[in-house]
């Protein structure tokens, strides 16, 4: 069980029908948004309790909860086969090679959902898990977007390629830029860790390596920002063909 904190996370969990044990609302927290959450919770059969704010702080382990929190089962990961089976027409996957910051993972999940990706693939080891922090950082998107955790990312890449995907890795040293590769076909965008970027074995399994041009002395972007640039370039290319 883990706590989902903040309006976005609680609202999205309720909307998605995620199993919740109960919802806590800090006493003195009023307004239309609170009332809407309470109505939705009652329609889903989820108990709502009004508690002193200090009790909500202690229960959730944080003061950053906006006066509302829900206790629910941790987000389950799906199988890679489930993501590949969900492909309809132009598939779009995001593969993360060791993203350790849960805030970055949450932001990437949110951007992936907004761009229409069918899922995110992360390794089981040396990577952020699907924690409450990720849930909060995704602003509720984690309730809607499947995430597959794989034992070996390189083997998963081979399986994804066999399913008909091209794999495009982001590497600041690549000569080809992100606008010079075709992202209209079924594609998996591969992003490296915050410090090291793509590991060598991961880089070798990519069909294409691309970079995002930057100005000034800073050559690389935050990985969650880079994910947004790559994903919405895919969106732009796909819309241009319609």
C-alpha atoms as a PDB file:
ATOM      1  CA  UNK A   1       0.000   0.000   0.000  1.00  0.00           C
ATOM      2  CA  UNK A   2       1.204   3.542  -0.631  1.00  0.00           C
ATOM      3  CA  UNK A   3      -0.098   7.069  -0.288  1.00  0.00           C
ATOM      4  CA  UNK A   4      -1.113   9.182  -3.258  1.00  0.00           C
ATOM      5  CA  UNK A   5      -0.913  12.837  -2.316  1.00  0.00           C
ATOM      6  CA  UNK A   6      -2.300  15.971  -3.924  1.00  0.00           C
ATOM      7  CA  UNK A   7      -5.405  16.644  -5.970  1.00  0.00           C
ATOM      8  CA  UNK A   8      -4.030  15.482  -9.332  1.00  0.00           C
ATOM      9  CA  UNK A   9      -2.943  12.079  -8.058  1.00  0.00           C
ATOM     10  CA  UNK A  10      -6.142  11.433  -6.086  1.00  0.00           C
ATOM     11  CA  UNK A  11      -8.484  12.626  -8.835  1.00  0.00           C
ATOM     12  CA  UNK A  12      -6.739  10.597 -11.525  1.00  0.00           C
ATOM     13  CA  UNK A  13      -6.668   7.463  -9.366  1.00  0.00           C
ATOM     14  CA  UNK A  14     -10.422   7.760  -8.758  1.00  0.00           C
ATOM     15  CA  UNK A  15     -11.129   8.464 -12.419  1.00  0.00           C
ATOM     16  CA  UNK A  16      -9.045   5.472 -13.500  1.00  0.00           C
ATOM     17  CA  UNK A  17     -10.882   3.196 -11.066  1.00  0.00           C
ATOM     18  CA  UNK A  18      -7.728   2.329  -9.155  1.00  0.00           C
ATOM     19  CA  UNK A  19      -8.430   0.358  -5.940  1.00  0.00           C
ATOM     20  CA  UNK A  20      -8.241   2.731  -2.956  1.00  0.00           C
ATOM     21  CA  UNK A  21      -8.574   1.896   0.734  1.00  0.00           C
ATOM     22  CA  UNK A  22      -9.552   5.385   1.912  1.00  0.00           C
ATOM     23  CA  UNK A  23      -9.114   9.097   1.300  1.00  0.00           C
ATOM     24  CA  UNK A  24      -7.995  11.595   3.925  1.00  0.00           C
ATOM     25  CA  UNK A  25      -8.972  15.267   3.740  1.00  0.00           C
ATOM     26  CA  UNK A  26      -7.438  17.813   6.108  1.00  0.00           C
ATOM     27  CA  UNK A  27     -10.022  19.567   8.263  1.00  0.00           C
ATOM     28  CA  UNK A  28     -10.579  23.110   7.106  1.00  0.00           C
ATOM     29  CA  UNK A  29      -9.921  22.164   3.453  1.00  0.00           C
ATOM     30  CA  UNK A  30     -13.013  23.281   1.538  1.00  0.00           C
ATOM     31  CA  UNK A  31     -14.001  24.284  -1.950  1.00  0.00           C
ATOM     32  CA  UNK A  32     -15.479  22.894  -5.142  1.00  0.00           C
ATOM     33  CA  UNK A  33     -12.495  20.681  -5.839  1.00  0.00           C
ATOM     34  CA  UNK A  34     -12.745  18.963  -2.466  1.00  0.00           C
ATOM     35  CA  UNK A  35     -16.472  18.493  -2.923  1.00  0.00           C
ATOM     36  CA  UNK A  36     -15.929  16.992  -6.380  1.00  0.00           C
ATOM     37  CA  UNK A  37     -13.408  14.488  -5.003  1.00  0.00           C
ATOM     38  CA  UNK A  38     -15.753  13.533  -2.165  1.00  0.00           C
ATOM     39  CA  UNK A  39     -18.643  12.969  -4.592  1.00  0.00           C
ATOM     40  CA  UNK A  40     -16.479  10.875  -6.910  1.00  0.00           C
ATOM     41  CA  UNK A  41     -15.111   8.857  -3.984  1.00  0.00           C
ATOM     42  CA  UNK A  42     -18.617   8.107  -2.729  1.00  0.00           C
ATOM     43  CA  UNK A  43     -19.681   7.004  -6.207  1.00  0.00           C
ATOM     44  CA  UNK A  44     -16.703   4.599  -6.216  1.00  0.00           C
ATOM     45  CA  UNK A  45     -17.431   3.356  -2.705  1.00  0.00           C
ATOM     46  CA  UNK A  46     -14.191   4.770  -1.285  1.00  0.00           C
ATOM     47  CA  UNK A  47     -14.430   5.998   2.358  1.00  0.00           C
ATOM     48  CA  UNK A  48     -13.505   9.641   2.997  1.00  0.00           C
ATOM     49  CA  UNK A  49     -12.197  10.754   6.395  1.00  0.00           C
ATOM     50  CA  UNK A  50     -11.667  14.325   7.577  1.00  0.00           C
ATOM     51  CA  UNK A  51      -8.613  14.501   9.850  1.00  0.00           C
ATOM     52  CA  UNK A  52      -6.473  17.170  11.480  1.00  0.00           C
ATOM     53  CA  UNK A  53      -3.764  18.330   9.094  1.00  0.00           C
ATOM     54  CA  UNK A  54      -1.061  17.028  11.448  1.00  0.00           C
ATOM     55  CA  UNK A  55      -2.566  13.555  11.222  1.00  0.00           C
ATOM     56  CA  UNK A  56      -2.502  13.740   7.425  1.00  0.00           C
ATOM     57  CA  UNK A  57       1.153  14.853   7.647  1.00  0.00           C
ATOM     58  CA  UNK A  58       2.029  11.850   9.827  1.00  0.00           C
ATOM     59  CA  UNK A  59       0.083   9.340   7.744  1.00  0.00           C
ATOM     60  CA  UNK A  60       1.628  10.392   4.446  1.00  0.00           C
ATOM     61  CA  UNK A  61       5.089  11.305   5.749  1.00  0.00           C
ATOM     62  CA  UNK A  62       4.994  14.669   4.005  1.00  0.00           C
ATOM     63  CA  UNK A  63       3.498  18.133   4.306  1.00  0.00           C
ATOM     64  CA  UNK A  64       3.303  18.467   0.528  1.00  0.00           C
ATOM     65  CA  UNK A  65      -0.132  16.888   0.128  1.00  0.00           C
ATOM     66  CA  UNK A  66      -2.426  19.883  -0.543  1.00  0.00           C
ATOM     67  CA  UNK A  67      -4.670  18.681   2.261  1.00  0.00           C
ATOM     68  CA  UNK A  68      -5.764  15.510   0.480  1.00  0.00           C
ATOM     69  CA  UNK A  69      -4.355  11.980   0.190  1.00  0.00           C
ATOM     70  CA  UNK A  70      -5.514   8.501  -0.779  1.00  0.00           C
ATOM     71  CA  UNK A  71      -4.218   5.121   0.379  1.00  0.00           C
ATOM     72  CA  UNK A  72      -4.030   2.634  -2.438  1.00  0.00           C
ATOM     73  CA  UNK A  73      -2.131  -0.363  -3.717  1.00  0.00           C
ATOM     74  CA  UNK A  74       1.203   0.429  -5.353  1.00  0.00           C
ATOM     75  CA  UNK A  75       0.992   0.838  -9.109  1.00  0.00           C
ATOM     76  CA  UNK A  76       1.555  -2.616 -10.622  1.00  0.00           C
ATOM     77  CA  UNK A  77       3.941  -2.958 -13.527  1.00  0.00           C
ATOM     78  CA  UNK A  78       2.720  -4.725 -16.659  1.00  0.00           C
ATOM     79  CA  UNK A  79       4.486  -7.257 -18.849  1.00  0.00           C
ATOM     80  CA  UNK A  80       6.366  -6.057 -21.913  1.00  0.00           C
ATOM     81  CA  UNK A  81       4.139  -8.278 -24.044  1.00  0.00           C
ATOM     82  CA  UNK A  82       1.141  -6.264 -22.836  1.00  0.00           C
ATOM     83  CA  UNK A  83       2.648  -3.062 -24.209  1.00  0.00           C
ATOM     84  CA  UNK A  84       3.570  -4.641 -27.533  1.00  0.00           C
ATOM     85  CA  UNK A  85       0.113  -6.156 -27.836  1.00  0.00           C
ATOM     86  CA  UNK A  86      -1.454  -2.731 -27.313  1.00  0.00           C
ATOM     87  CA  UNK A  87       0.145  -1.307 -30.438  1.00  0.00           C
ATOM     88  CA  UNK A  88      -2.356   0.001 -32.934  1.00  0.00           C
ATOM     89  CA  UNK A  89      -0.894   1.358 -36.171  1.00  0.00           C
ATOM     90  CA  UNK A  90       2.004   3.654 -35.246  1.00  0.00           C
ATOM     91  CA  UNK A  91       3.397   2.337 -31.971  1.00  0.00           C
ATOM     92  CA  UNK A  92       5.249   4.667 -29.622  1.00  0.00           C
ATOM     93  CA  UNK A  93       7.224   3.413 -26.622  1.00  0.00           C
ATOM     94  CA  UNK A  94       9.633   5.126 -24.241  1.00  0.00           C
ATOM     95  CA  UNK A  95      12.565   3.074 -22.924  1.00  0.00           C
ATOM     96  CA  UNK A  96      14.496   4.404 -19.931  1.00  0.00           C
ATOM     97  CA  UNK A  97      18.051   3.212 -19.372  1.00  0.00           C
ATOM     98  CA  UNK A  98      18.485   3.652 -15.613  1.00  0.00           C
ATOM     99  CA  UNK A  99      16.542   6.791 -14.678  1.00  0.00           C
ATOM    100  CA  UNK A 100      17.116   7.016 -10.910  1.00  0.00           C
ATOM    101  CA  UNK A 101      15.375  10.297 -10.026  1.00  0.00           C
ATOM    102  CA  UNK A 102      11.682   9.572  -9.310  1.00  0.00           C
ATOM    103  CA  UNK A 103      10.760  13.149 -10.215  1.00  0.00           C
ATOM    104  CA  UNK A 104      12.252  12.674 -13.678  1.00  0.00           C
ATOM    105  CA  UNK A 105      10.473   9.346 -14.065  1.00  0.00           C
ATOM    106  CA  UNK A 106       7.147  10.895 -13.064  1.00  0.00           C
ATOM    107  CA  UNK A 107       7.615  13.804 -15.456  1.00  0.00           C
ATOM    108  CA  UNK A 108       8.484  11.429 -18.311  1.00  0.00           C
ATOM    109  CA  UNK A 109       5.391   9.317 -17.605  1.00  0.00           C
ATOM    110  CA  UNK A 110       3.206  12.422 -17.761  1.00  0.00           C
ATOM    111  CA  UNK A 111       4.784  13.631 -21.014  1.00  0.00           C
ATOM    112  CA  UNK A 112       4.567  10.148 -22.547  1.00  0.00           C
ATOM    113  CA  UNK A 113       0.857   9.990 -21.793  1.00  0.00           C
ATOM    114  CA  UNK A 114       0.314  13.454 -23.269  1.00  0.00           C
ATOM    115  CA  UNK A 115       2.169  12.448 -26.449  1.00  0.00           C
ATOM    116  CA  UNK A 116       0.038   9.336 -26.933  1.00  0.00           C
ATOM    117  CA  UNK A 117       2.666   6.702 -26.095  1.00  0.00           C
ATOM    118  CA  UNK A 118       1.259   3.287 -25.236  1.00  0.00           C
ATOM    119  CA  UNK A 119       3.715   2.736 -22.413  1.00  0.00           C
ATOM    120  CA  UNK A 120       7.092   3.139 -20.745  1.00  0.00           C
ATOM    121  CA  UNK A 121       9.721   0.416 -20.253  1.00  0.00           C
ATOM    122  CA  UNK A 122      12.109   0.542 -17.270  1.00  0.00           C
ATOM    123  CA  UNK A 123      14.650  -1.935 -15.879  1.00  0.00           C
ATOM    124  CA  UNK A 124      14.109  -3.589 -12.516  1.00  0.00           C
ATOM    125  CA  UNK A 125      17.586  -2.753 -11.189  1.00  0.00           C
ATOM    126  CA  UNK A 126      19.430   0.551 -10.791  1.00  0.00           C
ATOM    127  CA  UNK A 127      16.351   2.577 -11.656  1.00  0.00           C
ATOM    128  CA  UNK A 128      13.546   4.398  -9.866  1.00  0.00           C
ATOM    129  CA  UNK A 129      10.530   2.238  -9.017  1.00  0.00           C
ATOM    130  CA  UNK A 130       6.849   3.139  -9.195  1.00  0.00           C
ATOM    131  CA  UNK A 131       6.711   5.001  -5.900  1.00  0.00           C
ATOM    132  CA  UNK A 132       4.417   7.623  -4.436  1.00  0.00           C
ATOM    133  CA  UNK A 133       6.956  10.267  -5.441  1.00  0.00           C
ATOM    134  CA  UNK A 134       6.685   9.131  -9.059  1.00  0.00           C
ATOM    135  CA  UNK A 135       2.898   9.195  -8.761  1.00  0.00           C
ATOM    136  CA  UNK A 136       2.964  12.784  -7.493  1.00  0.00           C
ATOM    137  CA  UNK A 137       5.504  13.912 -10.092  1.00  0.00           C
ATOM    138  CA  UNK A 138       3.360  12.416 -12.861  1.00  0.00           C
ATOM    139  CA  UNK A 139       0.376  14.474 -11.587  1.00  0.00           C
ATOM    140  CA  UNK A 140      -1.841  11.408 -11.872  1.00  0.00           C
ATOM    141  CA  UNK A 141      -0.641  10.199 -15.280  1.00  0.00           C
ATOM    142  CA  UNK A 142       0.766   7.004 -13.758  1.00  0.00           C
ATOM    143  CA  UNK A 143      -2.800   5.859 -13.127  1.00  0.00           C
ATOM    144  CA  UNK A 144      -3.421   5.838 -16.899  1.00  0.00           C
ATOM    145  CA  UNK A 145      -0.144   4.874 -18.584  1.00  0.00           C
ATOM    146  CA  UNK A 146       1.180   1.288 -18.359  1.00  0.00           C
ATOM    147  CA  UNK A 147       4.779   0.817 -17.257  1.00  0.00           C
ATOM    148  CA  UNK A 148       6.654  -2.432 -17.898  1.00  0.00           C
ATOM    149  CA  UNK A 149       9.582  -3.401 -15.657  1.00  0.00           C
ATOM    150  CA  UNK A 150      12.038  -5.758 -17.348  1.00  0.00           C
ATOM    151  CA  UNK A 151      14.934  -7.761 -15.918  1.00  0.00           C
ATOM    152  CA  UNK A 152      17.238  -7.008 -18.825  1.00  0.00           C
ATOM    153  CA  UNK A 153      16.697  -3.867 -20.897  1.00  0.00           C
ATOM    154  CA  UNK A 154      18.985  -4.999 -23.730  1.00  0.00           C
ATOM    155  CA  UNK A 155      17.008  -8.224 -24.198  1.00  0.00           C
ATOM    156  CA  UNK A 156      13.793  -6.240 -24.040  1.00  0.00           C
ATOM    157  CA  UNK A 157      15.116  -3.991 -26.812  1.00  0.00           C
ATOM    158  CA  UNK A 158      15.687  -7.042 -29.014  1.00  0.00           C
ATOM    159  CA  UNK A 159      12.137  -8.212 -28.349  1.00  0.00           C
ATOM    160  CA  UNK A 160      10.756  -4.782 -29.179  1.00  0.00           C
ATOM    161  CA  UNK A 161      12.711  -4.698 -32.442  1.00  0.00           C
ATOM    162  CA  UNK A 162      11.407  -8.149 -33.357  1.00  0.00           C
ATOM    163  CA  UNK A 163       7.892  -6.764 -32.860  1.00  0.00           C
ATOM    164  CA  UNK A 164       8.517  -4.256 -35.645  1.00  0.00           C
ATOM    165  CA  UNK A 165       9.835  -1.182 -33.846  1.00  0.00           C
ATOM    166  CA  UNK A 166      12.798   1.007 -34.733  1.00  0.00           C
ATOM    167  CA  UNK A 167      14.787   2.095 -31.690  1.00  0.00           C
ATOM    168  CA  UNK A 168      16.028   5.690 -31.575  1.00  0.00           C
ATOM    169  CA  UNK A 169      18.505   6.513 -28.812  1.00  0.00           C
ATOM    170  CA  UNK A 170      19.269  10.009 -27.580  1.00  0.00           C
ATOM    171  CA  UNK A 171      23.023  10.678 -27.381  1.00  0.00           C
ATOM    172  CA  UNK A 172      24.495  14.169 -27.186  1.00  0.00           C
ATOM    173  CA  UNK A 173      27.494  13.000 -29.273  1.00  0.00           C
ATOM    174  CA  UNK A 174      25.372  11.838 -32.225  1.00  0.00           C
ATOM    175  CA  UNK A 175      25.824  13.746 -35.487  1.00  0.00           C
ATOM    176  CA  UNK A 176      22.238  13.220 -36.655  1.00  0.00           C
ATOM    177  CA  UNK A 177      19.701  15.507 -34.957  1.00  0.00           C
ATOM    178  CA  UNK A 178      16.305  14.464 -33.619  1.00  0.00           C
ATOM    179  CA  UNK A 179      14.483  16.063 -36.561  1.00  0.00           C
ATOM    180  CA  UNK A 180      16.534  14.108 -39.115  1.00  0.00           C
ATOM    181  CA  UNK A 181      15.184  10.659 -38.254  1.00  0.00           C
ATOM    182  CA  UNK A 182      11.811   9.222 -39.267  1.00  0.00           C
ATOM    183  CA  UNK A 183       9.609   8.893 -36.183  1.00  0.00           C
ATOM    184  CA  UNK A 184       6.402   8.136 -38.058  1.00  0.00           C
ATOM    185  CA  UNK A 185       6.783   4.345 -37.992  1.00  0.00           C
ATOM    186  CA  UNK A 186       6.470   2.275 -34.825  1.00  0.00           C
ATOM    187  CA  UNK A 187       9.331   3.571 -32.731  1.00  0.00           C
ATOM    188  CA  UNK A 188      10.851   3.212 -29.274  1.00  0.00           C
ATOM    189  CA  UNK A 189      12.605   6.301 -27.932  1.00  0.00           C
ATOM    190  CA  UNK A 190      15.543   5.302 -25.710  1.00  0.00           C
ATOM    191  CA  UNK A 191      16.742   7.725 -23.029  1.00  0.00           C
ATOM    192  CA  UNK A 192      19.784   7.292 -20.793  1.00  0.00           C
ATOM    193  CA  UNK A 193      20.371   7.985 -17.120  1.00  0.00           C
ATOM    194  CA  UNK A 194      20.795  11.461 -15.670  1.00  0.00           C
ATOM    195  CA  UNK A 195      24.552  11.225 -15.256  1.00  0.00           C
ATOM    196  CA  UNK A 196      25.921   8.638 -17.699  1.00  0.00           C
ATOM    197  CA  UNK A 197      23.450   8.757 -20.550  1.00  0.00           C
ATOM    198  CA  UNK A 198      23.030   5.542 -22.530  1.00  0.00           C
ATOM    199  CA  UNK A 199      25.067   2.536 -21.451  1.00  0.00           C
ATOM    200  CA  UNK A 200      27.269   1.072 -24.173  1.00  0.00           C
ATOM    201  CA  UNK A 201      25.240  -2.111 -24.688  1.00  0.00           C
ATOM    202  CA  UNK A 202      22.030  -0.091 -24.861  1.00  0.00           C
ATOM    203  CA  UNK A 203      23.570   2.333 -27.349  1.00  0.00           C
ATOM    204  CA  UNK A 204      24.671  -0.532 -29.602  1.00  0.00           C
ATOM    205  CA  UNK A 205      21.136  -1.970 -29.751  1.00  0.00           C
ATOM    206  CA  UNK A 206      19.660   1.296 -31.049  1.00  0.00           C
ATOM    207  CA  UNK A 207      18.962   1.534 -34.775  1.00  0.00           C
ATOM    208  CA  UNK A 208      19.622   5.286 -34.781  1.00  0.00           C
ATOM    209  CA  UNK A 209      21.368   7.700 -32.420  1.00  0.00           C
ATOM    210  CA  UNK A 210      20.307  11.339 -32.428  1.00  0.00           C
ATOM    211  CA  UNK A 211      21.104  14.504 -30.517  1.00  0.00           C
ATOM    212  CA  UNK A 212      19.096  17.599 -29.645  1.00  0.00           C
ATOM    213  CA  UNK A 213      20.900  20.788 -30.751  1.00  0.00           C
ATOM    214  CA  UNK A 214      21.529  23.223 -27.901  1.00  0.00           C
ATOM    215  CA  UNK A 215      23.027  26.721 -27.732  1.00  0.00           C
ATOM    216  CA  UNK A 216      25.602  27.939 -25.253  1.00  0.00           C
ATOM    217  CA  UNK A 217      27.978  25.979 -23.035  1.00  0.00           C
ATOM    218  CA  UNK A 218      25.395  23.448 -21.788  1.00  0.00           C
ATOM    219  CA  UNK A 219      25.276  20.548 -24.245  1.00  0.00           C
ATOM    220  CA  UNK A 220      22.655  18.330 -22.632  1.00  0.00           C
ATOM    221  CA  UNK A 221      19.106  18.828 -21.373  1.00  0.00           C
ATOM    222  CA  UNK A 222      17.439  17.384 -18.298  1.00  0.00           C
ATOM    223  CA  UNK A 223      16.255  13.911 -19.318  1.00  0.00           C
ATOM    224  CA  UNK A 224      12.578  14.693 -18.720  1.00  0.00           C
ATOM    225  CA  UNK A 225      12.861  17.800 -20.927  1.00  0.00           C
ATOM    226  CA  UNK A 226      14.687  15.791 -23.592  1.00  0.00           C
ATOM    227  CA  UNK A 227      11.913  13.195 -23.472  1.00  0.00           C
ATOM    228  CA  UNK A 228       9.374  15.921 -24.203  1.00  0.00           C
ATOM    229  CA  UNK A 229      11.380  17.223 -27.155  1.00  0.00           C
ATOM    230  CA  UNK A 230      11.694  13.737 -28.660  1.00  0.00           C
ATOM    231  CA  UNK A 231       8.110  12.682 -28.048  1.00  0.00           C
ATOM    232  CA  UNK A 232       6.546  15.785 -29.488  1.00  0.00           C
ATOM    233  CA  UNK A 233       8.808  15.668 -32.515  1.00  0.00           C
ATOM    234  CA  UNK A 234       7.230  12.248 -33.109  1.00  0.00           C
ATOM    235  CA  UNK A 235       3.798  13.820 -32.626  1.00  0.00           C
ATOM    236  CA  UNK A 236       4.663  16.622 -35.075  1.00  0.00           C
ATOM    237  CA  UNK A 237       5.885  14.229 -37.762  1.00  0.00           C
ATOM    238  CA  UNK A 238       2.849  11.981 -37.435  1.00  0.00           C
ATOM    239  CA  UNK A 239       0.375  14.833 -37.628  1.00  0.00           C
ATOM    240  CA  UNK A 240       2.136  16.230 -40.691  1.00  0.00           C
ATOM    241  CA  UNK A 241       1.352  13.041 -42.624  1.00  0.00           C
ATOM    242  CA  UNK A 242      -2.410  13.202 -41.937  1.00  0.00           C
END
